[in-house]
Amino acid sequence: MIPTRPPSGAADAHGAVRRTGAGRTVAVLVLVALAALIPLLGPSVALHGTGEAGAPGTGGIALLRTVLFAALCIPVGELFVNRLARTLPGAEPGTRPGPGTGQDPALPRSWSPVAAAAGFVAALGLASVVATGNLVPGDAADVDVGGLYASRDGKLALLEVNAFLVTGLCAVSRRPVTQVWPLAAVIVAEALRAHPTIEHSPLTGSGLTLVHLTSAALWTGGLLHALRVLRLWHGRRATAAGAALLGLYARVALVLLAAITATGVCSSLRRMPPETILEQLTGTAYGRALFAKVLLVAVVAALAVWARRRLRRAADPLTACVPARAEVVVLGLAVAASGLLTALPVPIRW
């Protein structure tokens, strides 16, 4: 008889793989839970002692915005890195697209459909808040869906809901690259929403937010997906291909970091003039959250430099994945801090 039970060594190997996979899943769940605490508990911490009053349901709104931002980063990063991966000659054996698959078999399974579903739910929740006059609805009767068409914020909220719905449909279609159009609509809607018409030079602010949000989505989502691609590839040929992919990403990431820094500084100075910025960084909820985000971005930049040095100088370039994984974690916290920022009261221009 042919034994149906694998040898003990194979069993141990499979057991180790299962244990490693389970441990990684638990670690991800713990990190997600910790990231969720930032928007949920952050408003009360940031507002403490400032004399400012937060809007009702600030924690929930901040959490919904965090989910929306994360749902935007994932498909944007996948489209970005998949494009980079396809430019590598002979990146991995069997990288020719299969007929009618709509994606490259050598690339990991897309998370875009799940991300689009999460973004749709988050956008729907935020639209319900807008439909009740920016108040948390007590029940379904409080939501005036028709009223969304009567205001600028309502129309933008509906645009985001529909854009995530279309993104999900595109993600499961034969041409997932078409996600770029509804995702661009979400970014434009967020840029316009963040700067109402009553603000001084709102188009300038929207332009800065547009560049900032696009660059952040490419950086965060791109790094996450690049690490998923490298985890899928294996073997000696993949080492060179993986190093090449990380090198391509690192060159673009340097430009993205410059864009994020420049637009972030300009946006901060528009809301907090230079002569008041130091006081507002510690005396206002928005300033405190912004300061925390700046610290997180500084840590991300340090990790990025560390990864780039390993990529260029280490005997095994893929050891750069170690600081890159830590960079993804800190980037996730920065996304949560961004969600918190959008829910806090904008500082007064003194």
Foldseek 3Di string as FASTA:
>chain_A
DDDPDDDPVVVVVVVVVVVVVVVVVVVVVVLVVVLLCCLQVLVCVLAPPQPDDFAPPLSVQLSLQLLLLVLLLQLLQVLVLQVLLVVDVCLDPQQDDDPLQLGTPLADDGPNLVSLVSNLVSLVQCLQCVQQVNHRDPDPVSGDLVCLVVDLLSVLSVLSNVLSVVLNVLCRGSHNNVNVVSSLSNLLSVLQNLFDPVADPSVVSSVLSSLQSSLLSNLLNNLVRLLSSLVSDDDPSNLVSSLSSVVVSLVVNVVSLVSNVVSVVVNLCSLEPPVCLVVCLRNGSLNVLSVVLVVLVVLLVVLSVVLVCLSPDPPRNVVSVVSSVVSSSSSSSSSSSVSSNSRGDRDDHD
